[in-house]
């Protein structure tokens, strides 16, 4: 999940398969504190492979809606895209 929306802690508690969550530091849809709660829940579920990463200085939608002339925005989006591709290579077969 990149910049998740309308996902609750209860939703994360129900996860039974590997999951990756890429969150934005600045996100009104899923604030940083909520992403950290997701991470806590997933850490407690050691049997489920999970990856939670928070991208600094980006806002909701940073992986698809960014200014291509902004070097930092491009770098953050490309890093998230690589993280997503690596997750797919690891878990989707």
C-alpha atoms as a PDB file:
ATOM      1  CA  UNK A   1       0.000   0.000   0.000  1.00  0.00           C
ATOM      2  CA  UNK A   2       1.336   3.385  -0.908  1.00  0.00           C
ATOM      3  CA  UNK A   3      -0.217   6.350   0.909  1.00  0.00           C
ATOM      4  CA  UNK A   4      -3.107   4.261   2.291  1.00  0.00           C
ATOM      5  CA  UNK A   5      -6.591   5.733   2.535  1.00  0.00           C
ATOM      6  CA  UNK A   6      -9.531   4.642   4.641  1.00  0.00           C
ATOM      7  CA  UNK A   7      -7.487   1.827   6.224  1.00  0.00           C
ATOM      8  CA  UNK A   8      -8.001   1.285   9.939  1.00  0.00           C
ATOM      9  CA  UNK A   9      -5.930  -0.330  12.646  1.00  0.00           C
ATOM     10  CA  UNK A  10      -8.597  -3.053  12.765  1.00  0.00           C
ATOM     11  CA  UNK A  11      -8.008  -3.665   9.045  1.00  0.00           C
ATOM     12  CA  UNK A  12      -4.304  -4.135   9.730  1.00  0.00           C
ATOM     13  CA  UNK A  13      -5.056  -6.454  12.647  1.00  0.00           C
ATOM     14  CA  UNK A  14      -6.900  -8.686  10.162  1.00  0.00           C
ATOM     15  CA  UNK A  15      -3.937  -8.977   7.765  1.00  0.00           C
ATOM     16  CA  UNK A  16      -2.928 -12.597   7.163  1.00  0.00           C
ATOM     17  CA  UNK A  17      -0.519 -12.253   4.227  1.00  0.00           C
ATOM     18  CA  UNK A  18       2.719 -10.337   3.640  1.00  0.00           C
ATOM     19  CA  UNK A  19       2.117  -6.601   3.405  1.00  0.00           C
ATOM     20  CA  UNK A  20       4.106  -3.483   2.649  1.00  0.00           C
ATOM     21  CA  UNK A  21       2.914  -0.046   3.702  1.00  0.00           C
ATOM     22  CA  UNK A  22       4.589   3.077   2.356  1.00  0.00           C
ATOM     23  CA  UNK A  23       3.382   6.108   4.247  1.00  0.00           C
ATOM     24  CA  UNK A  24       3.846   9.831   3.828  1.00  0.00           C
ATOM     25  CA  UNK A  25       5.095  12.031   6.627  1.00  0.00           C
ATOM     26  CA  UNK A  26       2.455  14.617   5.666  1.00  0.00           C
ATOM     27  CA  UNK A  27      -0.855  12.873   5.087  1.00  0.00           C
ATOM     28  CA  UNK A  28      -4.310  13.958   6.187  1.00  0.00           C
ATOM     29  CA  UNK A  29      -5.886  10.733   4.895  1.00  0.00           C
ATOM     30  CA  UNK A  30      -3.665   8.488   7.008  1.00  0.00           C
ATOM     31  CA  UNK A  31      -1.586  10.585   9.403  1.00  0.00           C
ATOM     32  CA  UNK A  32       1.921   9.561  10.419  1.00  0.00           C
ATOM     33  CA  UNK A  33       0.690   8.487  13.858  1.00  0.00           C
ATOM     34  CA  UNK A  34      -1.732   6.018  12.264  1.00  0.00           C
ATOM     35  CA  UNK A  35       0.977   4.523  10.039  1.00  0.00           C
ATOM     36  CA  UNK A  36       3.083   4.046  13.160  1.00  0.00           C
ATOM     37  CA  UNK A  37       0.136   2.213  14.764  1.00  0.00           C
ATOM     38  CA  UNK A  38      -0.036  -0.019  11.686  1.00  0.00           C
ATOM     39  CA  UNK A  39       3.649  -0.785  12.149  1.00  0.00           C
ATOM     40  CA  UNK A  40       3.188  -1.652  15.832  1.00  0.00           C
ATOM     41  CA  UNK A  41       0.365  -4.056  14.995  1.00  0.00           C
ATOM     42  CA  UNK A  42       2.416  -5.719  12.267  1.00  0.00           C
ATOM     43  CA  UNK A  43       5.535  -6.043  14.426  1.00  0.00           C
ATOM     44  CA  UNK A  44       3.398  -7.906  16.969  1.00  0.00           C
ATOM     45  CA  UNK A  45       2.354 -10.314  14.196  1.00  0.00           C
ATOM     46  CA  UNK A  46       5.797 -11.874  13.724  1.00  0.00           C
ATOM     47  CA  UNK A  47       4.331 -14.684  11.612  1.00  0.00           C
ATOM     48  CA  UNK A  48       3.359 -12.148   8.910  1.00  0.00           C
ATOM     49  CA  UNK A  49       6.140 -10.656   6.832  1.00  0.00           C
ATOM     50  CA  UNK A  50       5.654  -6.922   6.749  1.00  0.00           C
ATOM     51  CA  UNK A  51       7.418  -3.767   5.729  1.00  0.00           C
ATOM     52  CA  UNK A  52       6.434  -0.290   6.874  1.00  0.00           C
ATOM     53  CA  UNK A  53       8.330   2.726   5.626  1.00  0.00           C
ATOM     54  CA  UNK A  54       7.583   6.388   6.137  1.00  0.00           C
ATOM     55  CA  UNK A  55       8.818   8.812   3.524  1.00  0.00           C
ATOM     56  CA  UNK A  56       9.872  12.172   4.968  1.00  0.00           C
ATOM     57  CA  UNK A  57       8.741  15.518   3.566  1.00  0.00           C
ATOM     58  CA  UNK A  58       6.149  14.049   1.201  1.00  0.00           C
ATOM     59  CA  UNK A  59       2.378  14.249   1.220  1.00  0.00           C
ATOM     60  CA  UNK A  60      -0.469  11.892   0.357  1.00  0.00           C
ATOM     61  CA  UNK A  61      -0.188  10.741  -3.243  1.00  0.00           C
ATOM     62  CA  UNK A  62       3.545  11.405  -3.577  1.00  0.00           C
ATOM     63  CA  UNK A  63       4.149   8.269  -5.647  1.00  0.00           C
ATOM     64  CA  UNK A  64       1.773   9.277  -8.445  1.00  0.00           C
ATOM     65  CA  UNK A  65       1.238  13.034  -8.129  1.00  0.00           C
ATOM     66  CA  UNK A  66       4.554  14.806  -8.000  1.00  0.00           C
ATOM     67  CA  UNK A  67       6.308  17.625  -9.777  1.00  0.00           C
ATOM     68  CA  UNK A  68       8.766  16.027 -12.201  1.00  0.00           C
ATOM     69  CA  UNK A  69      10.920  19.151 -12.020  1.00  0.00           C
ATOM     70  CA  UNK A  70      11.341  18.714  -8.236  1.00  0.00           C
ATOM     71  CA  UNK A  71      14.390  16.491  -7.767  1.00  0.00           C
ATOM     72  CA  UNK A  72      13.473  15.511  -4.187  1.00  0.00           C
ATOM     73  CA  UNK A  73       9.914  14.596  -5.199  1.00  0.00           C
ATOM     74  CA  UNK A  74      11.148  12.476  -8.094  1.00  0.00           C
ATOM     75  CA  UNK A  75      13.675  10.728  -5.840  1.00  0.00           C
ATOM     76  CA  UNK A  76      11.017   9.893  -3.222  1.00  0.00           C
ATOM     77  CA  UNK A  77       8.599   8.567  -5.854  1.00  0.00           C
ATOM     78  CA  UNK A  78      11.285   6.476  -7.535  1.00  0.00           C
ATOM     79  CA  UNK A  79      12.370   5.027  -4.189  1.00  0.00           C
ATOM     80  CA  UNK A  80       8.773   4.086  -3.386  1.00  0.00           C
ATOM     81  CA  UNK A  81       8.350   2.526  -6.835  1.00  0.00           C
ATOM     82  CA  UNK A  82      11.491   0.427  -6.301  1.00  0.00           C
ATOM     83  CA  UNK A  83      10.259  -0.646  -2.863  1.00  0.00           C
ATOM     84  CA  UNK A  84       6.942  -1.717  -4.395  1.00  0.00           C
ATOM     85  CA  UNK A  85       8.621  -3.628  -7.212  1.00  0.00           C
ATOM     86  CA  UNK A  86      10.911  -5.425  -4.784  1.00  0.00           C
ATOM     87  CA  UNK A  87       7.929  -6.406  -2.629  1.00  0.00           C
ATOM     88  CA  UNK A  88       6.118  -7.768  -5.687  1.00  0.00           C
ATOM     89  CA  UNK A  89       9.196  -9.763  -6.711  1.00  0.00           C
ATOM     90  CA  UNK A  90       9.422 -11.227  -3.215  1.00  0.00           C
ATOM     91  CA  UNK A  91       5.783 -12.081  -2.581  1.00  0.00           C
ATOM     92  CA  UNK A  92       3.755 -12.250  -5.772  1.00  0.00           C
ATOM     93  CA  UNK A  93       4.497 -15.426  -7.675  1.00  0.00           C
END
